[in-house]
Amino acid sequence: MVRLENAQSLVGIALTLLVCWALSEDRKRFPWRLALGALIVQVGLILLLFGLPAARGVVAGISAAVDGLGAATGQGTQFVFGYLGGGVQPYTVENPQGLFVFAFQVLPLILVISALSALLWHWGILKWIIRGFGFLFEKTMGMGGASATATAANIFVGMIETPIIIRAYLDKLTRSEMFLMMVVGLATVAGSTMVAYATILRDVLPNAAAHVLVASVVSAPAGVLLARLMVPEKPGEGGI
């Protein structure tokens, strides 16, 4: 039995594709293979991350690591900024919710995650993760190597660092590939910001880090599809 929420999601997907196709620069060329591949990748990633027990354990581990980093960063922030960072208040507080200060309680965590991402990149761990997702996107959606790598990089490092990763190919990208990289960058969430969102939402959304991570990963192939719909690749171009 199809639930109402699922029907709404399917209608939303159809309407989104229809609007992007209506705004396309070339409506005669609908990327059927890309559309099918993007939908398969999204469904596969959701089933993988939430369906398999081992994958659920990994996602739960990521959530626990994010919570641990948040707690450790919180202790350091309280040591430096005192009650502004969430420490003991010097006076009676009538509205505890009003004590949340983004600059002193979230930005320090973003700095810590950014430094940790740089360290993981230096060790080569983040490079292999990006290459793995890039290979998946390249084979399932028929993308060029540079575009697939940029799509994968946007998930973890964000749209600012992604052009640096593929800087050797930037001058060779077509207009469609450049547009694709920007769209995916806006569709996904960088790792540092992802952790910040999870920290803000953890009191109202159980397992917030896992939800934000999965939403960012699944949004990557969706961004690729919508970008290709609006600015299709011309025959003979792309594939770098």
Protein backbone atom coordinates (compact mmCIF):
# COMPACT_ATOMS: atom_id res chain seq x y z
CA MET A 1 0.00 0.00 0.00
CA VAL A 2 1.41 3.37 -1.06
CA ARG A 3 1.48 5.92 1.74
CA LEU A 4 0.37 9.49 1.08
CA GLU A 5 3.85 10.81 1.89
CA ASN A 6 5.41 8.51 -0.73
CA ALA A 7 2.88 9.63 -3.34
CA GLN A 8 3.69 13.25 -2.55
CA SER A 9 7.38 12.52 -3.01
CA LEU A 10 6.82 10.89 -6.40
CA VAL A 11 4.64 13.79 -7.57
CA GLY A 12 7.29 16.23 -6.34
CA ILE A 13 10.02 14.44 -8.30
CA ALA A 14 7.91 14.45 -11.47
CA LEU A 15 7.02 18.15 -11.13
CA THR A 16 10.65 19.13 -10.45
CA LEU A 17 11.84 17.27 -13.55
CA LEU A 18 9.04 18.81 -15.60
CA VAL A 19 9.89 22.36 -14.52
CA CYS A 20 13.61 21.90 -15.23
CA TRP A 21 12.82 20.37 -18.62
CA ALA A 22 10.51 23.32 -19.42
CA LEU A 23 13.39 25.72 -18.61
CA SER A 24 15.92 23.67 -20.58
CA GLU A 25 18.06 25.26 -23.27
CA ASP A 26 17.36 22.28 -25.52
CA ARG A 27 14.13 20.46 -24.69
CA LYS A 28 14.56 18.07 -27.63
CA ARG A 29 17.37 16.21 -25.90
CA PHE A 30 16.14 14.63 -22.67
CA PRO A 31 18.95 12.70 -20.90
CA TRP A 32 17.07 9.44 -20.38
CA ARG A 33 20.15 7.43 -19.41
CA LEU A 34 21.23 10.07 -16.92
CA ALA A 35 17.74 10.36 -15.45
CA LEU A 36 17.47 6.60 -14.98
CA GLY A 37 21.00 6.35 -13.59
CA ALA A 38 20.48 9.23 -11.15
CA LEU A 39 17.27 7.74 -9.78
CA ILE A 40 18.87 4.30 -9.44
CA VAL A 41 21.87 5.78 -7.62
CA GLN A 42 19.63 7.67 -5.20
CA VAL A 43 17.48 4.63 -4.40
CA GLY A 44 20.58 2.44 -4.13
CA LEU A 45 22.32 4.84 -1.74
CA ILE A 46 19.24 5.09 0.49
CA LEU A 47 18.85 1.30 0.61
CA LEU A 48 22.57 0.88 1.23
CA LEU A 49 22.81 3.44 4.01
CA PHE A 50 19.57 2.57 5.79
CA GLY A 51 18.75 -0.97 4.64
CA LEU A 52 21.89 -3.00 5.34
CA PRO A 53 22.70 -3.65 9.02
CA ALA A 54 26.43 -3.11 8.44
CA ALA A 55 25.77 0.20 6.70
CA ARG A 56 23.45 1.27 9.50
CA GLY A 57 26.26 0.54 11.92
CA VAL A 58 28.64 2.74 9.92
CA VAL A 59 26.10 5.56 9.80
CA ALA A 60 25.49 5.21 13.55
CA GLY A 61 29.26 5.33 14.06
CA ILE A 62 29.46 8.55 12.05
CA SER A 63 26.69 10.06 14.19
CA ALA A 64 28.52 9.03 17.35
CA ALA A 65 31.77 10.52 16.04
CA VAL A 66 30.00 13.80 15.21
CA ASP A 67 28.48 13.90 18.69
CA GLY A 68 31.89 13.19 20.20
CA LEU A 69 33.54 15.95 18.20
CA GLY A 70 30.74 18.32 19.17
CA ALA A 71 31.12 17.48 22.86
CA ALA A 72 34.91 17.83 22.79
CA THR A 73 34.73 21.11 20.88
CA GLY A 74 32.07 22.32 23.32
CA GLN A 75 34.39 21.74 26.26
CA GLY A 76 37.16 23.70 24.56
CA THR A 77 34.77 26.48 23.61
CA GLN A 78 33.50 26.75 27.17
CA PHE A 79 37.09 26.94 28.42
CA VAL A 80 37.89 29.82 26.06
CA PHE A 81 34.59 31.75 25.96
CA GLY A 82 33.01 30.78 29.26
CA TYR A 83 29.24 31.04 29.48
CA LEU A 84 29.03 32.39 25.91
CA GLY A 85 30.27 29.00 24.75
CA GLY A 86 27.70 27.12 26.81
CA GLY A 87 29.44 27.13 30.18
CA VAL A 88 28.00 27.83 33.61
CA GLN A 89 25.92 31.01 33.60
CA PRO A 90 26.88 33.76 36.09
CA TYR A 91 23.22 34.68 36.59
CA THR A 92 19.79 33.06 36.60
CA VAL A 93 18.54 32.29 33.09
CA GLU A 94 14.81 32.47 32.43
CA ASN A 95 15.02 31.56 28.73
CA PRO A 96 17.69 28.87 28.19
CA GLN A 97 16.94 28.73 24.46
CA GLY A 98 18.11 32.31 24.11
CA LEU A 99 21.62 31.35 25.23
CA PHE A 100 22.47 29.72 21.92
CA VAL A 101 25.10 31.89 20.23
CA PHE A 102 26.07 30.71 16.75
CA ALA A 103 29.44 32.50 16.73
CA PHE A 104 30.63 30.88 19.97
CA GLN A 105 28.95 27.46 19.83
CA VAL A 106 28.84 26.46 16.15
CA LEU A 107 31.64 28.29 14.34
CA PRO A 108 34.35 26.72 16.56
CA LEU A 109 33.03 23.29 15.55
CA ILE A 110 33.21 24.28 11.86
CA LEU A 111 36.86 25.27 12.37
CA VAL A 112 37.63 21.92 14.03
CA ILE A 113 35.95 19.93 11.23
CA SER A 114 37.73 22.00 8.58
CA ALA A 115 41.08 21.27 10.19
CA LEU A 116 40.18 17.58 10.49
CA SER A 117 39.16 17.48 6.81
CA ALA A 118 42.49 19.00 5.84
CA LEU A 119 44.28 16.34 7.88
CA LEU A 120 42.26 13.52 6.29
CA TRP A 121 43.06 14.96 2.86
CA HIS A 122 46.76 15.09 3.73
CA TRP A 123 46.67 11.44 4.79
CA GLY A 124 44.91 10.51 1.55
CA ILE A 125 41.80 9.09 3.22
CA LEU A 126 39.45 11.76 1.89
CA LYS A 127 40.97 11.44 -1.59
CA TRP A 128 40.10 7.73 -1.79
CA ILE A 129 36.55 8.36 -0.57
CA ILE A 130 36.05 11.04 -3.23
CA ARG A 131 37.54 8.80 -5.90
CA GLY A 132 35.18 5.99 -4.91
CA PHE A 133 32.07 8.14 -5.19
CA GLY A 134 33.42 9.70 -8.38
CA PHE A 135 33.85 6.24 -9.93
CA LEU A 136 30.26 5.37 -8.94
CA PHE A 137 28.86 8.54 -10.54
CA GLU A 138 31.00 8.11 -13.65
CA LYS A 139 29.87 4.55 -14.34
CA THR A 140 26.19 4.89 -13.45
CA MET A 141 25.44 8.28 -15.01
CA GLY A 142 27.91 8.40 -17.90
CA MET A 143 29.76 11.45 -16.60
CA GLY A 144 33.28 12.49 -17.46
CA GLY A 145 36.01 11.91 -14.91
CA ALA A 146 36.41 15.58 -13.94
CA SER A 147 32.68 16.13 -13.52
CA ALA A 148 32.26 12.92 -11.54
CA THR A 149 35.15 13.86 -9.25
CA ALA A 150 33.75 17.36 -8.77
CA THR A 151 30.35 15.92 -7.90
CA ALA A 152 31.87 13.61 -5.29
CA ALA A 153 34.10 16.34 -3.88
CA ASN A 154 31.15 18.69 -3.40
CA ILE A 155 29.63 16.21 -0.95
CA PHE A 156 32.60 16.32 1.43
CA VAL A 157 34.62 19.50 0.95
CA GLY A 158 32.08 21.94 -0.49
CA MET A 159 31.85 24.09 -3.59
CA ILE A 160 34.77 26.35 -2.64
CA GLU A 161 37.42 23.62 -2.49
CA THR A 162 36.02 21.49 -5.33
CA PRO A 163 37.39 23.67 -8.19
CA ILE A 164 40.81 23.44 -6.55
CA ILE A 165 40.67 19.64 -6.65
CA ILE A 166 40.01 19.61 -10.42
CA ARG A 167 41.95 22.81 -11.18
CA ALA A 168 43.96 21.06 -13.91
CA TYR A 169 40.72 20.54 -15.88
CA LEU A 170 38.88 23.81 -15.18
CA ASP A 171 39.90 25.44 -18.45
CA LYS A 172 38.71 22.35 -20.35
CA LEU A 173 35.23 22.15 -18.82
CA THR A 174 32.31 22.95 -21.09
CA ARG A 175 29.59 25.40 -20.13
CA SER A 176 27.33 22.49 -19.21
CA GLU A 177 29.97 20.89 -16.98
CA MET A 178 30.71 24.19 -15.24
CA PHE A 179 27.00 24.70 -14.59
CA LEU A 180 26.75 21.14 -13.28
CA MET A 181 29.57 21.70 -10.79
CA MET A 182 27.90 24.85 -9.44
CA VAL A 183 24.45 23.24 -9.18
CA VAL A 184 25.76 20.20 -7.30
CA GLY A 185 27.71 22.52 -5.02
CA LEU A 186 24.51 24.30 -4.05
CA ALA A 187 22.57 21.02 -3.73
CA THR A 188 24.97 19.36 -1.29
CA VAL A 189 26.34 20.35 2.11
CA ALA A 190 30.05 20.63 2.87
CA GLY A 191 31.38 18.43 5.64
CA SER A 192 32.01 21.28 8.08
CA THR A 193 28.57 22.79 7.56
CA MET A 194 27.04 19.32 7.70
CA VAL A 195 28.36 18.85 11.21
CA ALA A 196 27.11 22.30 12.19
CA TYR A 197 23.60 21.42 11.00
CA ALA A 198 23.72 18.12 12.87
CA THR A 199 24.76 19.93 16.04
CA ILE A 200 21.91 22.42 15.76
CA LEU A 201 19.31 19.72 15.03
CA ARG A 202 20.42 17.01 17.45
CA ASP A 203 17.98 18.09 20.19
CA VAL A 204 14.95 17.95 17.87
CA LEU A 205 15.96 15.23 15.38
CA PRO A 206 17.31 11.86 16.55
CA ASN A 207 20.39 10.72 14.62
CA ALA A 208 20.59 14.14 12.95
CA ALA A 209 24.11 13.62 11.57
CA ALA A 210 23.06 10.52 9.63
CA HIS A 211 20.03 12.26 8.13
CA VAL A 212 22.04 15.31 7.03
CA LEU A 213 24.80 13.11 5.60
CA VAL A 214 22.40 10.92 3.62
CA ALA A 215 20.49 13.97 2.38
CA SER A 216 23.71 15.52 1.08
CA VAL A 217 24.90 12.32 -0.60
CA VAL A 218 21.54 11.66 -2.26
CA SER A 219 21.28 15.29 -3.43
CA ALA A 220 24.44 14.94 -5.54
CA PRO A 221 23.00 12.75 -8.33
CA ALA A 222 19.76 14.77 -8.16
CA GLY A 223 21.74 17.96 -8.76
CA VAL A 224 23.53 16.34 -11.70
CA LEU A 225 20.25 15.36 -13.30
CA LEU A 226 18.63 18.78 -12.90
CA ALA A 227 21.75 20.57 -14.18
CA ARG A 228 21.88 18.34 -17.28
CA LEU A 229 18.18 18.93 -17.89
CA MET A 230 18.53 22.70 -17.87
CA VAL A 231 21.88 22.99 -19.69
CA PRO A 232 22.36 19.78 -21.74
CA GLU A 233 25.76 18.75 -23.00
CA LYS A 234 26.15 19.40 -26.71
CA PRO A 235 27.01 16.40 -28.92
CA GLY A 236 30.75 15.84 -29.09
CA GLU A 237 31.50 17.90 -25.99
CA GLY A 238 32.27 16.94 -22.41
CA GLY A 239 33.53 13.66 -21.06
CA ILE A 240 36.73 15.08 -19.60
